[in-house]
Amino acid sequence: MIKSHPLRSLGGLAVIAAVLFLLSASGNSSAWKNGPGWLGSVGWFGFLLAVLALIALAVYLGVAKLRHRPR
């Protein structure tokens, strides 16, 4: 699916990163101060991993596009 639908893959990963970022407010934000702190930690570290995966996927797709470009 990554090579056949690259924008869908990047978009899906970006949505996952956004949801994890919003989840990281649990226990830290004034709006969600009573939320569990562990949920905020899981959300934050998940967000960081999702951003790392997003960058790696973007680099992979860019290199794959350059390698298969007609000459």
PDB file of N, CA and C in Angstrom:
ATOM      1  N   MET A   1       0.810  -1.187   0.000  1.00  0.00           N
ATOM      2  CA  MET A   1       0.000   0.000   0.000  1.00  0.00           C
ATOM      3  C   MET A   1       0.856   1.256   0.000  1.00  0.00           C
ATOM      4  N   ILE A   2       2.045   1.174   0.535  1.00  0.00           N
ATOM      5  CA  ILE A   2       2.884   2.363   0.621  1.00  0.00           C
ATOM      6  C   ILE A   2       3.257   2.863  -0.768  1.00  0.00           C
ATOM      7  N   LYS A   3       3.660   1.979  -1.648  1.00  0.00           N
ATOM      8  CA  LYS A   3       4.056   2.424  -2.984  1.00  0.00           C
ATOM      9  C   LYS A   3       2.864   2.696  -3.891  1.00  0.00           C
ATOM     10  N   SER A   4       1.758   2.010  -3.696  1.00  0.00           N
ATOM     11  CA  SER A   4       0.609   2.242  -4.565  1.00  0.00           C
ATOM     12  C   SER A   4      -0.198   3.468  -4.142  1.00  0.00           C
ATOM     13  N   HIS A   5      -0.203   3.814  -2.857  1.00  0.00           N
ATOM     14  CA  HIS A   5      -0.932   4.987  -2.349  1.00  0.00           C
ATOM     15  C   HIS A   5      -0.044   5.762  -1.374  1.00  0.00           C
ATOM     16  N   PRO A   6       0.987   6.453  -1.867  1.00  0.00           N
ATOM     17  CA  PRO A   6       1.917   7.118  -0.941  1.00  0.00           C
ATOM     18  C   PRO A   6       1.279   8.258  -0.159  1.00  0.00           C
ATOM     19  N   LEU A   7       0.415   9.048  -0.784  1.00  0.00           N
ATOM     20  CA  LEU A   7      -0.208  10.160  -0.062  1.00  0.00           C
ATOM     21  C   LEU A   7      -1.180   9.670   1.000  1.00  0.00           C
ATOM     22  N   ARG A   8      -1.864   8.581   0.722  1.00  0.00           N
ATOM     23  CA  ARG A   8      -2.772   8.002   1.710  1.00  0.00           C
ATOM     24  C   ARG A   8      -1.984   7.470   2.907  1.00  0.00           C
ATOM     25  N   SER A   9      -0.838   6.879   2.649  1.00  0.00           N
ATOM     26  CA  SER A   9       0.000   6.375   3.736  1.00  0.00           C
ATOM     27  C   SER A   9       0.538   7.518   4.593  1.00  0.00           C
ATOM     28  N   LEU A  10       1.045   8.574   3.943  1.00  0.00           N
ATOM     29  CA  LEU A  10       1.549   9.722   4.684  1.00  0.00           C
ATOM     30  C   LEU A  10       0.428  10.417   5.453  1.00  0.00           C
ATOM     31  N   GLY A  11      -0.727  10.543   4.836  1.00  0.00           N
ATOM     32  CA  GLY A  11      -1.862  11.181   5.499  1.00  0.00           C
ATOM     33  C   GLY A  11      -2.349  10.391   6.698  1.00  0.00           C
ATOM     34  N   GLY A  12      -2.413   9.081   6.556  1.00  0.00           N
ATOM     35  CA  GLY A  12      -2.831   8.240   7.675  1.00  0.00           C
ATOM     36  C   GLY A  12      -1.869   8.333   8.848  1.00  0.00           C
ATOM     37  N   LEU A  13      -0.593   8.351   8.542  1.00  0.00           N
ATOM     38  CA  LEU A  13       0.407   8.478   9.597  1.00  0.00           C
ATOM     39  C   LEU A  13       0.350   9.859  10.242  1.00  0.00           C
ATOM     40  N   ALA A  14       0.058  10.890   9.456  1.00  0.00           N
ATOM     41  CA  ALA A  14      -0.087  12.235  10.014  1.00  0.00           C
ATOM     42  C   ALA A  14      -1.305  12.319  10.929  1.00  0.00           C
ATOM     43  N   VAL A  15      -2.388  11.658  10.569  1.00  0.00           N
ATOM     44  CA  VAL A  15      -3.583  11.643  11.424  1.00  0.00           C
ATOM     45  C   VAL A  15      -3.283  10.925  12.740  1.00  0.00           C
ATOM     46  N   ILE A  16      -2.576   9.820  12.665  1.00  0.00           N
ATOM     47  CA  ILE A  16      -2.197   9.090  13.883  1.00  0.00           C
ATOM     48  C   ILE A  16      -1.329   9.969  14.773  1.00  0.00           C
ATOM     49  N   ALA A  17      -0.383  10.708  14.170  1.00  0.00           N
ATOM     50  CA  ALA A  17       0.474  11.603  14.952  1.00  0.00           C
ATOM     51  C   ALA A  17      -0.351  12.706  15.607  1.00  0.00           C
ATOM     52  N   ALA A  18      -1.328  13.250  14.895  1.00  0.00           N
ATOM     53  CA  ALA A  18      -2.161  14.317  15.451  1.00  0.00           C
ATOM     54  C   ALA A  18      -3.008  13.805  16.620  1.00  0.00           C
ATOM     55  N   VAL A  19      -3.563  12.614  16.484  1.00  0.00           N
ATOM     56  CA  VAL A  19      -4.364  12.038  17.567  1.00  0.00           C
ATOM     57  C   VAL A  19      -3.494  11.777  18.796  1.00  0.00           C
ATOM     58  N   LEU A  20      -2.307  11.267  18.591  1.00  0.00           N
ATOM     59  CA  LEU A  20      -1.407  11.011  19.713  1.00  0.00           C
ATOM     60  C   LEU A  20      -0.965  12.310  20.373  1.00  0.00           C
ATOM     61  N   PHE A  21      -0.784  13.366  19.577  1.00  0.00           N
ATOM     62  CA  PHE A  21      -0.422  14.659  20.147  1.00  0.00           C
ATOM     63  C   PHE A  21      -1.554  15.201  21.020  1.00  0.00           C
ATOM     64  N   LEU A  22      -2.779  15.071  20.551  1.00  0.00           N
ATOM     65  CA  LEU A  22      -3.915  15.513  21.358  1.00  0.00           C
ATOM     66  C   LEU A  22      -4.064  14.664  22.624  1.00  0.00           C
ATOM     67  N   LEU A  23      -3.756  13.397  22.519  1.00  0.00           N
ATOM     68  CA  LEU A  23      -3.828  12.497  23.666  1.00  0.00           C
ATOM     69  C   LEU A  23      -2.768  12.826  24.707  1.00  0.00           C
ATOM     70  N   SER A  24      -1.666  13.423  24.278  1.00  0.00           N
ATOM     71  CA  SER A  24      -0.578  13.728  25.200  1.00  0.00           C
ATOM     72  C   SER A  24      -0.946  14.828  26.190  1.00  0.00           C
ATOM     73  N   ALA A  25      -2.058  15.509  25.987  1.00  0.00           N
ATOM     74  CA  ALA A  25      -2.478  16.560  26.920  1.00  0.00           C
ATOM     75  C   ALA A  25      -3.058  15.988  28.209  1.00  0.00           C
ATOM     76  N   SER A  26      -3.317  14.707  28.253  1.00  0.00           N
ATOM     77  CA  SER A  26      -3.915  14.095  29.439  1.00  0.00           C
ATOM     78  C   SER A  26      -2.995  14.241  30.645  1.00  0.00           C
ATOM     79  N   GLY A  27      -3.506  14.861  31.687  1.00  0.00           N
ATOM     80  CA  GLY A  27      -2.735  15.040  32.905  1.00  0.00           C
ATOM     81  C   GLY A  27      -1.836  16.251  32.898  1.00  0.00           C
ATOM     82  N   ASN A  28      -1.712  16.951  31.775  1.00  0.00           N
ATOM     83  CA  ASN A  28      -0.796  18.082  31.680  1.00  0.00           C
ATOM     84  C   ASN A  28      -1.499  19.395  31.406  1.00  0.00           C
ATOM     85  N   SER A  29      -2.546  19.379  30.642  1.00  0.00           N
ATOM     86  CA  SER A  29      -3.222  20.592  30.220  1.00  0.00           C
ATOM     87  C   SER A  29      -4.233  21.043  31.277  1.00  0.00           C
ATOM     88  N   SER A  30      -4.514  22.334  31.291  1.00  0.00           N
ATOM     89  CA  SER A  30      -5.511  22.823  32.235  1.00  0.00           C
ATOM     90  C   SER A  30      -6.911  22.328  31.869  1.00  0.00           C
ATOM     91  N   ALA A  31      -7.132  22.049  30.585  1.00  0.00           N
ATOM     92  CA  ALA A  31      -8.433  21.546  30.156  1.00  0.00           C
ATOM     93  C   ALA A  31      -8.626  20.078  30.537  1.00  0.00           C
ATOM     94  N   TRP A  32      -7.538  19.326  30.639  1.00  0.00           N
ATOM     95  CA  TRP A  32      -7.638  17.898  30.917  1.00  0.00           C
ATOM     96  C   TRP A  32      -6.701  17.530  32.067  1.00  0.00           C
ATOM     97  N   LYS A  33      -6.679  18.358  33.111  1.00  0.00           N
ATOM     98  CA  LYS A  33      -5.754  18.167  34.225  1.00  0.00           C
ATOM     99  C   LYS A  33      -6.050  16.907  35.027  1.00  0.00           C
ATOM    100  N   ASN A  34      -7.314  16.501  35.066  1.00  0.00           N
ATOM    101  CA  ASN A  34      -7.696  15.331  35.856  1.00  0.00           C
ATOM    102  C   ASN A  34      -7.533  14.017  35.103  1.00  0.00           C
ATOM    103  N   GLY A  35      -7.032  14.060  33.889  1.00  0.00           N
ATOM    104  CA  GLY A  35      -6.822  12.832  33.127  1.00  0.00           C
ATOM    105  C   GLY A  35      -5.635  12.062  33.670  1.00  0.00           C
ATOM    106  N   PRO A  36      -5.532  10.790  33.333  1.00  0.00           N
ATOM    107  CA  PRO A  36      -4.408   9.982  33.825  1.00  0.00           C
ATOM    108  C   PRO A  36      -3.082  10.429  33.204  1.00  0.00           C
ATOM    109  N   GLY A  37      -2.086  10.559  34.035  1.00  0.00           N
ATOM    110  CA  GLY A  37      -0.775  11.004  33.568  1.00  0.00           C
ATOM    111  C   GLY A  37      -0.091  10.003  32.653  1.00  0.00           C
ATOM    112  N   TRP A  38      -0.318   8.723  32.906  1.00  0.00           N
ATOM    113  CA  TRP A  38       0.326   7.703  32.073  1.00  0.00           C
ATOM    114  C   TRP A  38      -0.193   7.766  30.640  1.00  0.00           C
ATOM    115  N   LEU A  39      -1.456   8.165  30.478  1.00  0.00           N
ATOM    116  CA  LEU A  39      -2.017   8.275  29.136  1.00  0.00           C
ATOM    117  C   LEU A  39      -1.347   9.409  28.365  1.00  0.00           C
ATOM    118  N   GLY A  40      -1.041  10.489  29.072  1.00  0.00           N
ATOM    119  CA  GLY A  40      -0.311  11.585  28.450  1.00  0.00           C
ATOM    120  C   GLY A  40       1.090  11.178  28.030  1.00  0.00           C
ATOM    121  N   SER A  41       1.742  10.374  28.848  1.00  0.00           N
ATOM    122  CA  SER A  41       3.086   9.904  28.518  1.00  0.00           C
ATOM    123  C   SER A  41       3.057   8.978  27.304  1.00  0.00           C
ATOM    124  N   VAL A  42       2.090   8.081  27.271  1.00  0.00           N
ATOM    125  CA  VAL A  42       1.957   7.182  26.114  1.00  0.00           C
ATOM    126  C   VAL A  42       1.680   7.998  24.850  1.00  0.00           C
ATOM    127  N   GLY A  43       0.816   9.000  24.970  1.00  0.00           N
ATOM    128  CA  GLY A  43       0.505   9.847  23.831  1.00  0.00           C
ATOM    129  C   GLY A  43       1.713  10.621  23.348  1.00  0.00           C
ATOM    130  N   TRP A  44       2.507  11.162  24.273  1.00  0.00           N
ATOM    131  CA  TRP A  44       3.669  11.960  23.876  1.00  0.00           C
ATOM    132  C   TRP A  44       4.734  11.111  23.196  1.00  0.00           C
ATOM    133  N   PHE A  45       5.078   9.982  23.795  1.00  0.00           N
ATOM    134  CA  PHE A  45       6.114   9.144  23.184  1.00  0.00           C
ATOM    135  C   PHE A  45       5.610   8.493  21.903  1.00  0.00           C
ATOM    136  N   GLY A  46       4.323   8.187  21.837  1.00  0.00           N
ATOM    137  CA  GLY A  46       3.752   7.697  20.585  1.00  0.00           C
ATOM    138  C   GLY A  46       3.800   8.752  19.501  1.00  0.00           C
ATOM    139  N   PHE A  47       3.541  10.008  19.876  1.00  0.00           N
ATOM    140  CA  PHE A  47       3.633  11.114  18.920  1.00  0.00           C
ATOM    141  C   PHE A  47       5.053  11.255  18.392  1.00  0.00           C
ATOM    142  N   LEU A  48       6.029  11.182  19.268  1.00  0.00           N
ATOM    143  CA  LEU A  48       7.418  11.297  18.821  1.00  0.00           C
ATOM    144  C   LEU A  48       7.798  10.167  17.865  1.00  0.00           C
ATOM    145  N   LEU A  49       7.355   8.956  18.170  1.00  0.00           N
ATOM    146  CA  LEU A  49       7.638   7.831  17.276  1.00  0.00           C
ATOM    147  C   LEU A  49       6.905   7.981  15.944  1.00  0.00           C
ATOM    148  N   ALA A  50       5.682   8.509  15.980  1.00  0.00           N
ATOM    149  CA  ALA A  50       4.920   8.703  14.750  1.00  0.00           C
ATOM    150  C   ALA A  50       5.567   9.767  13.870  1.00  0.00           C
ATOM    151  N   VAL A  51       6.086  10.833  14.475  1.00  0.00           N
ATOM    152  CA  VAL A  51       6.778  11.863  13.693  1.00  0.00           C
ATOM    153  C   VAL A  51       8.059  11.295  13.089  1.00  0.00           C
ATOM    154  N   LEU A  52       8.780  10.489  13.843  1.00  0.00           N
ATOM    155  CA  LEU A  52       9.983   9.848  13.318  1.00  0.00           C
ATOM    156  C   LEU A  52       9.631   8.928  12.145  1.00  0.00           C
ATOM    157  N   ALA A  53       8.561   8.166  12.279  1.00  0.00           N
ATOM    158  CA  ALA A  53       8.118   7.288  11.192  1.00  0.00           C
ATOM    159  C   ALA A  53       7.647   8.099   9.991  1.00  0.00           C
ATOM    160  N   LEU A  54       7.016   9.232  10.234  1.00  0.00           N
ATOM    161  CA  LEU A  54       6.558  10.099   9.147  1.00  0.00           C
ATOM    162  C   LEU A  54       7.738  10.645   8.358  1.00  0.00           C
ATOM    163  N   ILE A  55       8.780  11.071   9.051  1.00  0.00           N
ATOM    164  CA  ILE A  55       9.981  11.570   8.367  1.00  0.00           C
ATOM    165  C   ILE A  55      10.662  10.446   7.596  1.00  0.00           C
ATOM    166  N   ALA A  56      10.781   9.277   8.214  1.00  0.00           N
ATOM    167  CA  ALA A  56      11.432   8.149   7.534  1.00  0.00           C
ATOM    168  C   ALA A  56      10.638   7.722   6.300  1.00  0.00           C
ATOM    169  N   LEU A  57       9.309   7.704   6.394  1.00  0.00           N
ATOM    170  CA  LEU A  57       8.486   7.324   5.248  1.00  0.00           C
ATOM    171  C   LEU A  57       8.583   8.351   4.137  1.00  0.00           C
ATOM    172  N   ALA A  58       8.619   9.631   4.489  1.00  0.00           N
ATOM    173  CA  ALA A  58       8.749  10.677   3.469  1.00  0.00           C
ATOM    174  C   ALA A  58      10.090  10.574   2.745  1.00  0.00           C
ATOM    175  N   VAL A  59      11.159  10.297   3.487  1.00  0.00           N
ATOM    176  CA  VAL A  59      12.479  10.136   2.867  1.00  0.00           C
ATOM    177  C   VAL A  59      12.492   8.903   1.975  1.00  0.00           C
ATOM    178  N   TYR A  60      11.920   7.805   2.460  1.00  0.00           N
ATOM    179  CA  TYR A  60      11.858   6.578   1.669  1.00  0.00           C
ATOM    180  C   TYR A  60      11.102   6.786   0.363  1.00  0.00           C
ATOM    181  N   LEU A  61       9.953   7.441   0.449  1.00  0.00           N
ATOM    182  CA  LEU A  61       9.159   7.667  -0.764  1.00  0.00           C
ATOM    183  C   LEU A  61       9.855   8.629  -1.715  1.00  0.00           C
ATOM    184  N   GLY A  62      10.554   9.619  -1.178  1.00  0.00           N
ATOM    185  CA  GLY A  62      11.306  10.539  -2.031  1.00  0.00           C
ATOM    186  C   GLY A  62      12.442   9.845  -2.761  1.00  0.00           C
ATOM    187  N   VAL A  63      13.165   9.005  -2.058  1.00  0.00           N
ATOM    188  CA  VAL A  63      14.270   8.260  -2.689  1.00  0.00           C
ATOM    189  C   VAL A  63      13.727   7.265  -3.702  1.00  0.00           C
ATOM    190  N   ALA A  64      12.629   6.598  -3.382  1.00  0.00           N
ATOM    191  CA  ALA A  64      12.040   5.631  -4.311  1.00  0.00           C
ATOM    192  C   ALA A  64      11.555   6.332  -5.580  1.00  0.00           C
ATOM    193  N   LYS A  65      11.009   7.532  -5.428  1.00  0.00           N
ATOM    194  CA  LYS A  65      10.555   8.274  -6.607  1.00  0.00           C
ATOM    195  C   LYS A  65      11.730   8.709  -7.467  1.00  0.00           C
ATOM    196  N   LEU A  66      12.820   9.119  -6.843  1.00  0.00           N
ATOM    197  CA  LEU A  66      13.999   9.514  -7.604  1.00  0.00           C
ATOM    198  C   LEU A  66      14.657   8.327  -8.302  1.00  0.00           C
ATOM    199  N   ARG A  67      14.640   7.173  -7.675  1.00  0.00           N
ATOM    200  CA  ARG A  67      15.269   5.985  -8.274  1.00  0.00           C
ATOM    201  C   ARG A  67      14.494   5.474  -9.472  1.00  0.00           C
ATOM    202  N   HIS A  68      13.174   5.611  -9.467  1.00  0.00           N
ATOM    203  CA  HIS A  68      12.345   5.060 -10.539  1.00  0.00           C
ATOM    204  C   HIS A  68      11.900   6.126 -11.525  1.00  0.00           C
ATOM    205  N   ARG A  69      12.591   7.237 -11.546  1.00  0.00           N
ATOM    206  CA  ARG A  69      12.263   8.298 -12.485  1.00  0.00           C
ATOM    207  C   ARG A  69      12.797   7.919 -13.858  1.00  0.00           C
ATOM    208  N   PRO A  70      11.966   8.082 -14.896  1.00  0.00           N
ATOM    209  CA  PRO A  70      12.458   7.768 -16.247  1.00  0.00           C
ATOM    210  C   PRO A  70      13.544   8.740 -16.679  1.00  0.00           C
ATOM    211  N   ARG A  71      14.508   8.217 -17.396  1.00  0.00           N
ATOM    212  CA  ARG A  71      15.636   9.040 -17.843  1.00  0.00           C
ATOM    213  C   ARG A  71      15.482   9.447 -19.277  1.00  0.00           C
TER     214      ARG A  71
END
